[in-house]
Amino acid sequence: MLRLFFGTDELNFQLTTTNPNAVQKTRSFTRFSQAEDEVVNARVYVGIHYRGTDRVSRTQGLRVANWAFKNYFRPVGDPLFGLP
């Protein structure tokens, strides 16, 4: 969804965890896809999911994001809502 909103995969950003057991509290990224890859890897490494399950889920999530972006997000001034 963030790639669709910003129109690019490339964006410098940081995420910080509130988990008191985390060794590294803040992670830096240059692409949204880097964060996605890390989430998939972390879930596999911790034993929550299998890699194949996360790949399928990521694909489904992209489909849902594309559909929601296309059908619900409208530019400001969209005539559908009676705005100029």
PDB file of N, CA and C in Angstrom:
ATOM      1  N   MET A   1       0.824  -1.177   0.000  1.00  0.00           N
ATOM      2  CA  MET A   1       0.000   0.000   0.000  1.00  0.00           C
ATOM      3  C   MET A   1       0.876   1.252   0.000  1.00  0.00           C
ATOM      4  N   LEU A   2       1.963   1.234   0.764  1.00  0.00           N
ATOM      5  CA  LEU A   2       2.828   2.417   0.816  1.00  0.00           C
ATOM      6  C   LEU A   2       3.501   2.673  -0.525  1.00  0.00           C
ATOM      7  N   ARG A   3       3.885   1.620  -1.232  1.00  0.00           N
ATOM      8  CA  ARG A   3       4.462   1.806  -2.581  1.00  0.00           C
ATOM      9  C   ARG A   3       3.447   2.456  -3.499  1.00  0.00           C
ATOM     10  N   LEU A   4       2.214   2.039  -3.424  1.00  0.00           N
ATOM     11  CA  LEU A   4       1.172   2.620  -4.260  1.00  0.00           C
ATOM     12  C   LEU A   4       0.929   4.076  -3.889  1.00  0.00           C
ATOM     13  N   PHE A   5       0.863   4.366  -2.595  1.00  0.00           N
ATOM     14  CA  PHE A   5       0.596   5.723  -2.132  1.00  0.00           C
ATOM     15  C   PHE A   5       1.704   6.693  -2.553  1.00  0.00           C
ATOM     16  N   PHE A   6       2.962   6.281  -2.352  1.00  0.00           N
ATOM     17  CA  PHE A   6       4.092   7.149  -2.684  1.00  0.00           C
ATOM     18  C   PHE A   6       4.513   7.047  -4.147  1.00  0.00           C
ATOM     19  N   GLY A   7       4.028   6.033  -4.859  1.00  0.00           N
ATOM     20  CA  GLY A   7       4.359   5.873  -6.267  1.00  0.00           C
ATOM     21  C   GLY A   7       5.760   5.358  -6.517  1.00  0.00           C
ATOM     22  N   THR A   8       6.384   4.796  -5.500  1.00  0.00           N
ATOM     23  CA  THR A   8       7.743   4.258  -5.635  1.00  0.00           C
ATOM     24  C   THR A   8       8.021   3.275  -4.508  1.00  0.00           C
ATOM     25  N   ASP A   9       8.967   2.393  -4.735  1.00  0.00           N
ATOM     26  CA  ASP A   9       9.424   1.480  -3.696  1.00  0.00           C
ATOM     27  C   ASP A   9      10.548   2.134  -2.892  1.00  0.00           C
ATOM     28  N   GLU A  10      11.175   3.159  -3.470  1.00  0.00           N
ATOM     29  CA  GLU A  10      12.342   3.788  -2.853  1.00  0.00           C
ATOM     30  C   GLU A  10      11.942   4.929  -1.923  1.00  0.00           C
ATOM     31  N   LEU A  11      12.251   4.754  -0.644  1.00  0.00           N
ATOM     32  CA  LEU A  11      12.009   5.807   0.338  1.00  0.00           C
ATOM     33  C   LEU A  11      12.850   5.485   1.565  1.00  0.00           C
ATOM     34  N   ASN A  12      13.619   6.437   2.040  1.00  0.00           N
ATOM     35  CA  ASN A  12      14.408   6.243   3.250  1.00  0.00           C
ATOM     36  C   ASN A  12      13.504   6.414   4.466  1.00  0.00           C
ATOM     37  N   PHE A  13      13.496   5.409   5.347  1.00  0.00           N
ATOM     38  CA  PHE A  13      12.682   5.492   6.555  1.00  0.00           C
ATOM     39  C   PHE A  13      13.256   4.573   7.618  1.00  0.00           C
ATOM     40  N   GLN A  14      12.808   4.787   8.845  1.00  0.00           N
ATOM     41  CA  GLN A  14      13.233   3.973   9.970  1.00  0.00           C
ATOM     42  C   GLN A  14      12.013   3.457  10.717  1.00  0.00           C
ATOM     43  N   LEU A  15      12.159   2.283  11.291  1.00  0.00           N
ATOM     44  CA  LEU A  15      11.128   1.699  12.143  1.00  0.00           C
ATOM     45  C   LEU A  15      11.774   1.364  13.485  1.00  0.00           C
ATOM     46  N   THR A  16      11.075   1.649  14.559  1.00  0.00           N
ATOM     47  CA  THR A  16      11.587   1.388  15.899  1.00  0.00           C
ATOM     48  C   THR A  16      10.623   0.463  16.629  1.00  0.00           C
ATOM     49  N   THR A  17      11.173  -0.544  17.264  1.00  0.00           N
ATOM     50  CA  THR A  17      10.359  -1.495  18.016  1.00  0.00           C
ATOM     51  C   THR A  17      10.210  -1.053  19.464  1.00  0.00           C
ATOM     52  N   THR A  18       9.144  -1.474  20.081  1.00  0.00           N
ATOM     53  CA  THR A  18       8.951  -1.247  21.511  1.00  0.00           C
ATOM     54  C   THR A  18       9.256  -2.509  22.314  1.00  0.00           C
ATOM     55  N   ASN A  19       9.702  -3.554  21.611  1.00  0.00           N
ATOM     56  CA  ASN A  19      10.029  -4.821  22.247  1.00  0.00           C
ATOM     57  C   ASN A  19      11.267  -4.638  23.130  1.00  0.00           C
ATOM     58  N   PRO A  20      11.140  -4.825  24.428  1.00  0.00           N
ATOM     59  CA  PRO A  20      12.282  -4.611  25.314  1.00  0.00           C
ATOM     60  C   PRO A  20      13.404  -5.630  25.114  1.00  0.00           C
ATOM     61  N   ASN A  21      13.106  -6.766  24.478  1.00  0.00           N
ATOM     62  CA  ASN A  21      14.124  -7.797  24.252  1.00  0.00           C
ATOM     63  C   ASN A  21      14.866  -7.642  22.935  1.00  0.00           C
ATOM     64  N   ALA A  22      14.474  -6.689  22.115  1.00  0.00           N
ATOM     65  CA  ALA A  22      15.119  -6.505  20.818  1.00  0.00           C
ATOM     66  C   ALA A  22      16.539  -6.006  21.000  1.00  0.00           C
ATOM     67  N   VAL A  23      17.466  -6.620  20.270  1.00  0.00           N
ATOM     68  CA  VAL A  23      18.868  -6.206  20.328  1.00  0.00           C
ATOM     69  C   VAL A  23      19.043  -4.874  19.609  1.00  0.00           C
ATOM     70  N   GLN A  24      18.446  -4.777  18.448  1.00  0.00           N
ATOM     71  CA  GLN A  24      18.525  -3.540  17.664  1.00  0.00           C
ATOM     72  C   GLN A  24      17.134  -2.911  17.648  1.00  0.00           C
ATOM     73  N   LYS A  25      16.976  -1.777  18.297  1.00  0.00           N
ATOM     74  CA  LYS A  25      15.660  -1.145  18.444  1.00  0.00           C
ATOM     75  C   LYS A  25      15.184  -0.459  17.165  1.00  0.00           C
ATOM     76  N   THR A  26      16.100   0.161  16.420  1.00  0.00           N
ATOM     77  CA  THR A  26      15.723   0.915  15.222  1.00  0.00           C
ATOM     78  C   THR A  26      16.392   0.326  14.000  1.00  0.00           C
ATOM     79  N   ARG A  27      15.593   0.125  12.967  1.00  0.00           N
ATOM     80  CA  ARG A  27      16.086  -0.407  11.688  1.00  0.00           C
ATOM     81  C   ARG A  27      15.887   0.661  10.626  1.00  0.00           C
ATOM     82  N   SER A  28      16.863   0.813   9.741  1.00  0.00           N
ATOM     83  CA  SER A  28      16.778   1.785   8.644  1.00  0.00           C
ATOM     84  C   SER A  28      16.617   1.058   7.323  1.00  0.00           C
ATOM     85  N   PHE A  29      15.823   1.631   6.439  1.00  0.00           N
ATOM     86  CA  PHE A  29      15.540   1.031   5.141  1.00  0.00           C
ATOM     87  C   PHE A  29      15.609   2.098   4.055  1.00  0.00           C
ATOM     88  N   THR A  30      15.881   1.669   2.837  1.00  0.00           N
ATOM     89  CA  THR A  30      15.859   2.578   1.682  1.00  0.00           C
ATOM     90  C   THR A  30      14.741   2.212   0.717  1.00  0.00           C
ATOM     91  N   ARG A  31      14.073   1.101   0.982  1.00  0.00           N
ATOM     92  CA  ARG A  31      12.963   0.624   0.143  1.00  0.00           C
ATOM     93  C   ARG A  31      11.916  -0.044   1.020  1.00  0.00           C
ATOM     94  N   PHE A  32      10.663   0.074   0.625  1.00  0.00           N
ATOM     95  CA  PHE A  32       9.589  -0.626   1.330  1.00  0.00           C
ATOM     96  C   PHE A  32       9.784  -2.135   1.218  1.00  0.00           C
ATOM     97  N   SER A  33      10.251  -2.590   0.059  1.00  0.00           N
ATOM     98  CA  SER A  33      10.439  -4.029  -0.145  1.00  0.00           C
ATOM     99  C   SER A  33      11.489  -4.605   0.807  1.00  0.00           C
ATOM    100  N   GLN A  34      12.463  -3.799   1.242  1.00  0.00           N
ATOM    101  CA  GLN A  34      13.443  -4.280   2.224  1.00  0.00           C
ATOM    102  C   GLN A  34      12.747  -4.616   3.542  1.00  0.00           C
ATOM    103  N   ALA A  35      11.854  -3.753   3.965  1.00  0.00           N
ATOM    104  CA  ALA A  35      11.117  -4.004   5.208  1.00  0.00           C
ATOM    105  C   ALA A  35      10.233  -5.240   5.065  1.00  0.00           C
ATOM    106  N   GLU A  36       9.599  -5.384   3.916  1.00  0.00           N
ATOM    107  CA  GLU A  36       8.764  -6.565   3.673  1.00  0.00           C
ATOM    108  C   GLU A  36       9.604  -7.837   3.760  1.00  0.00           C
ATOM    109  N   ASP A  37      10.781  -7.826   3.121  1.00  0.00           N
ATOM    110  CA  ASP A  37      11.667  -8.991   3.164  1.00  0.00           C
ATOM    111  C   ASP A  37      12.063  -9.332   4.593  1.00  0.00           C
ATOM    112  N   GLU A  38      12.368  -8.307   5.378  1.00  0.00           N
ATOM    113  CA  GLU A  38      12.760  -8.539   6.771  1.00  0.00           C
ATOM    114  C   GLU A  38      11.639  -9.157   7.585  1.00  0.00           C
ATOM    115  N   VAL A  39      10.420  -8.701   7.355  1.00  0.00           N
ATOM    116  CA  VAL A  39       9.282  -9.247   8.091  1.00  0.00           C
ATOM    117  C   VAL A  39       9.120 -10.733   7.757  1.00  0.00           C
ATOM    118  N   VAL A  40       9.203 -11.062   6.473  1.00  0.00           N
ATOM    119  CA  VAL A  40       9.081 -12.462   6.066  1.00  0.00           C
ATOM    120  C   VAL A  40      10.188 -13.290   6.704  1.00  0.00           C
ATOM    121  N   ASN A  41      11.426 -12.821   6.608  1.00  0.00           N
ATOM    122  CA  ASN A  41      12.549 -13.567   7.187  1.00  0.00           C
ATOM    123  C   ASN A  41      12.406 -13.724   8.693  1.00  0.00           C
ATOM    124  N   ALA A  42      12.022 -12.669   9.376  1.00  0.00           N
ATOM    125  CA  ALA A  42      11.888 -12.731  10.834  1.00  0.00           C
ATOM    126  C   ALA A  42      10.850 -13.770  11.245  1.00  0.00           C
ATOM    127  N   ARG A  43       9.739 -13.812  10.534  1.00  0.00           N
ATOM    128  CA  ARG A  43       8.679 -14.760  10.891  1.00  0.00           C
ATOM    129  C   ARG A  43       9.135 -16.200  10.663  1.00  0.00           C
ATOM    130  N   VAL A  44       9.958 -16.408   9.643  1.00  0.00           N
ATOM    131  CA  VAL A  44      10.499 -17.751   9.382  1.00  0.00           C
ATOM    132  C   VAL A  44      11.541 -18.099  10.448  1.00  0.00           C
ATOM    133  N   TYR A  45      12.460 -17.166  10.734  1.00  0.00           N
ATOM    134  CA  TYR A  45      13.526 -17.436  11.703  1.00  0.00           C
ATOM    135  C   TYR A  45      12.984 -17.718  13.103  1.00  0.00           C
ATOM    136  N   VAL A  46      11.903 -17.039  13.474  1.00  0.00           N
ATOM    137  CA  VAL A  46      11.323 -17.220  14.808  1.00  0.00           C
ATOM    138  C   VAL A  46      10.478 -18.493  14.860  1.00  0.00           C
ATOM    139  N   GLY A  47      10.134 -19.028  13.700  1.00  0.00           N
ATOM    140  CA  GLY A  47       9.365 -20.266  13.661  1.00  0.00           C
ATOM    141  C   GLY A  47       7.868 -20.056  13.655  1.00  0.00           C
ATOM    142  N   ILE A  48       7.437 -18.831  13.358  1.00  0.00           N
ATOM    143  CA  ILE A  48       6.003 -18.551  13.327  1.00  0.00           C
ATOM    144  C   ILE A  48       5.376 -19.122  12.059  1.00  0.00           C
ATOM    145  N   HIS A  49       6.072 -18.979  10.913  1.00  0.00           N
ATOM    146  CA  HIS A  49       5.544 -19.415   9.618  1.00  0.00           C
ATOM    147  C   HIS A  49       6.609 -20.141   8.824  1.00  0.00           C
ATOM    148  N   TYR A  50       6.146 -20.817   7.788  1.00  0.00           N
ATOM    149  CA  TYR A  50       7.046 -21.386   6.786  1.00  0.00           C
ATOM    150  C   TYR A  50       7.224 -20.342   5.682  1.00  0.00           C
ATOM    151  N   ARG A  51       8.371 -20.376   5.014  1.00  0.00           N
ATOM    152  CA  ARG A  51       8.664 -19.386   3.970  1.00  0.00           C
ATOM    153  C   ARG A  51       7.606 -19.404   2.867  1.00  0.00           C
ATOM    154  N   GLY A  52       7.172 -20.575   2.449  1.00  0.00           N
ATOM    155  CA  GLY A  52       6.155 -20.660   1.399  1.00  0.00           C
ATOM    156  C   GLY A  52       4.853 -19.990   1.802  1.00  0.00           C
ATOM    157  N   THR A  53       4.475 -20.161   3.054  1.00  0.00           N
ATOM    158  CA  THR A  53       3.255 -19.532   3.564  1.00  0.00           C
ATOM    159  C   THR A  53       3.375 -18.013   3.501  1.00  0.00           C
ATOM    160  N   ASP A  54       4.529 -17.489   3.901  1.00  0.00           N
ATOM    161  CA  ASP A  54       4.721 -16.041   3.876  1.00  0.00           C
ATOM    162  C   ASP A  54       4.771 -15.498   2.448  1.00  0.00           C
ATOM    163  N   ARG A  55       5.317 -16.263   1.519  1.00  0.00           N
ATOM    164  CA  ARG A  55       5.325 -15.815   0.114  1.00  0.00           C
ATOM    165  C   ARG A  55       3.900 -15.709  -0.419  1.00  0.00           C
ATOM    166  N   VAL A  56       3.103 -16.725  -0.145  1.00  0.00           N
ATOM    167  CA  VAL A  56       1.711 -16.707  -0.593  1.00  0.00           C
ATOM    168  C   VAL A  56       0.961 -15.546   0.069  1.00  0.00           C
ATOM    169  N   SER A  57       1.175 -15.360   1.358  1.00  0.00           N
ATOM    170  CA  SER A  57       0.503 -14.279   2.090  1.00  0.00           C
ATOM    171  C   SER A  57       0.918 -12.912   1.575  1.00  0.00           C
ATOM    172  N   ARG A  58       2.188 -12.759   1.245  1.00  0.00           N
ATOM    173  CA  ARG A  58       2.670 -11.481   0.709  1.00  0.00           C
ATOM    174  C   ARG A  58       2.021 -11.186  -0.638  1.00  0.00           C
ATOM    175  N   THR A  59       1.902 -12.197  -1.483  1.00  0.00           N
ATOM    176  CA  THR A  59       1.245 -12.031  -2.776  1.00  0.00           C
ATOM    177  C   THR A  59      -0.221 -11.639  -2.590  1.00  0.00           C
ATOM    178  N   GLN A  60      -0.913 -12.301  -1.670  1.00  0.00           N
ATOM    179  CA  GLN A  60      -2.312 -11.974  -1.405  1.00  0.00           C
ATOM    180  C   GLN A  60      -2.428 -10.560  -0.845  1.00  0.00           C
ATOM    181  N   GLY A  61      -1.523 -10.167   0.037  1.00  0.00           N
ATOM    182  CA  GLY A  61      -1.531  -8.821   0.590  1.00  0.00           C
ATOM    183  C   GLY A  61      -1.360  -7.764  -0.491  1.00  0.00           C
ATOM    184  N   LEU A  62      -0.505  -8.038  -1.474  1.00  0.00           N
ATOM    185  CA  LEU A  62      -0.324  -7.107  -2.586  1.00  0.00           C
ATOM    186  C   LEU A  62      -1.597  -6.995  -3.419  1.00  0.00           C
ATOM    187  N   ARG A  63      -2.274  -8.114  -3.612  1.00  0.00           N
ATOM    188  CA  ARG A  63      -3.542  -8.086  -4.357  1.00  0.00           C
ATOM    189  C   ARG A  63      -4.589  -7.252  -3.624  1.00  0.00           C
ATOM    190  N   VAL A  64      -4.687  -7.438  -2.322  1.00  0.00           N
ATOM    191  CA  VAL A  64      -5.645  -6.671  -1.522  1.00  0.00           C
ATOM    192  C   VAL A  64      -5.285  -5.184  -1.554  1.00  0.00           C
ATOM    193  N   ALA A  65      -4.003  -4.868  -1.403  1.00  0.00           N
ATOM    194  CA  ALA A  65      -3.570  -3.466  -1.436  1.00  0.00           C
ATOM    195  C   ALA A  65      -3.897  -2.826  -2.778  1.00  0.00           C
ATOM    196  N   ASN A  66      -3.624  -3.515  -3.865  1.00  0.00           N
ATOM    197  CA  ASN A  66      -3.937  -2.983  -5.193  1.00  0.00           C
ATOM    198  C   ASN A  66      -5.432  -2.734  -5.354  1.00  0.00           C
ATOM    199  N   TRP A  67      -6.235  -3.684  -4.904  1.00  0.00           N
ATOM    200  CA  TRP A  67      -7.687  -3.541  -5.029  1.00  0.00           C
ATOM    201  C   TRP A  67      -8.181  -2.362  -4.186  1.00  0.00           C
ATOM    202  N   ALA A  68      -7.735  -2.292  -2.938  1.00  0.00           N
ATOM    203  CA  ALA A  68      -8.172  -1.205  -2.053  1.00  0.00           C
ATOM    204  C   ALA A  68      -7.720   0.147  -2.585  1.00  0.00           C
ATOM    205  N   PHE A  69      -6.500   0.219  -3.077  1.00  0.00           N
ATOM    206  CA  PHE A  69      -5.987   1.484  -3.604  1.00  0.00           C
ATOM    207  C   PHE A  69      -6.803   1.932  -4.812  1.00  0.00           C
ATOM    208  N   LYS A  70      -7.130   0.988  -5.672  1.00  0.00           N
ATOM    209  CA  LYS A  70      -7.885   1.297  -6.885  1.00  0.00           C
ATOM    210  C   LYS A  70      -9.333   1.672  -6.579  1.00  0.00           C
ATOM    211  N   ASN A  71      -9.938   1.003  -5.599  1.00  0.00           N
ATOM    212  CA  ASN A  71     -11.366   1.155  -5.352  1.00  0.00           C
ATOM    213  C   ASN A  71     -11.747   2.117  -4.227  1.00  0.00           C
ATOM    214  N   TYR A  72     -10.840   2.427  -3.323  1.00  0.00           N
ATOM    215  CA  TYR A  72     -11.209   3.254  -2.181  1.00  0.00           C
ATOM    216  C   TYR A  72     -10.455   4.574  -2.081  1.00  0.00           C
ATOM    217  N   PHE A  73      -9.198   4.587  -2.461  1.00  0.00           N
ATOM    218  CA  PHE A  73      -8.442   5.834  -2.359  1.00  0.00           C
ATOM    219  C   PHE A  73      -8.711   6.670  -3.594  1.00  0.00           C
ATOM    220  N   ARG A  74      -9.180   7.869  -3.368  1.00  0.00           N
ATOM    221  CA  ARG A  74      -9.501   8.773  -4.464  1.00  0.00           C
ATOM    222  C   ARG A  74      -8.757  10.078  -4.250  1.00  0.00           C
ATOM    223  N   PRO A  75      -8.366  10.743  -5.337  1.00  0.00           N
ATOM    224  CA  PRO A  75      -7.699  12.036  -5.190  1.00  0.00           C
ATOM    225  C   PRO A  75      -8.629  13.077  -4.579  1.00  0.00           C
ATOM    226  N   VAL A  76      -8.051  14.043  -3.889  1.00  0.00           N
ATOM    227  CA  VAL A  76      -8.845  15.141  -3.348  1.00  0.00           C
ATOM    228  C   VAL A  76      -9.477  15.851  -4.522  1.00  0.00           C
ATOM    229  N   GLY A  77     -10.749  16.208  -4.396  1.00  0.00           N
ATOM    230  CA  GLY A  77     -11.467  16.860  -5.488  1.00  0.00           C
ATOM    231  C   GLY A  77     -12.132  15.867  -6.419  1.00  0.00           C
ATOM    232  N   ASP A  78     -12.252  14.631  -6.003  1.00  0.00           N
ATOM    233  CA  ASP A  78     -12.890  13.606  -6.825  1.00  0.00           C
ATOM    234  C   ASP A  78     -14.373  13.949  -7.015  1.00  0.00           C
ATOM    235  N   PRO A  79     -14.842  14.068  -8.257  1.00  0.00           N
ATOM    236  CA  PRO A  79     -16.237  14.393  -8.514  1.00  0.00           C
ATOM    237  C   PRO A  79     -17.214  13.400  -7.889  1.00  0.00           C
ATOM    238  N   LEU A  80     -16.778  12.171  -7.650  1.00  0.00           N
ATOM    239  CA  LEU A  80     -17.637  11.164  -7.040  1.00  0.00           C
ATOM    240  C   LEU A  80     -18.175  11.655  -5.686  1.00  0.00           C
ATOM    241  N   PHE A  81     -17.376  12.450  -5.009  1.00  0.00           N
ATOM    242  CA  PHE A  81     -17.762  12.952  -3.688  1.00  0.00           C
ATOM    243  C   PHE A  81     -18.273  14.385  -3.750  1.00  0.00           C
ATOM    244  N   GLY A  82     -18.512  14.906  -4.936  1.00  0.00           N
ATOM    245  CA  GLY A  82     -19.066  16.241  -5.098  1.00  0.00           C
ATOM    246  C   GLY A  82     -18.079  17.355  -4.812  1.00  0.00           C
ATOM    247  N   LEU A  83     -16.792  17.045  -4.887  1.00  0.00           N
ATOM    248  CA  LEU A  83     -15.773  18.065  -4.651  1.00  0.00           C
ATOM    249  C   LEU A  83     -15.219  18.568  -5.975  1.00  0.00           C
ATOM    250  N   PRO A  84     -14.899  19.834  -6.057  1.00  0.00           N
ATOM    251  CA  PRO A  84     -14.359  20.380  -7.322  1.00  0.00           C
ATOM    252  C   PRO A  84     -12.978  19.849  -7.646  1.00  0.00           C
TER     253      PRO A  84
END
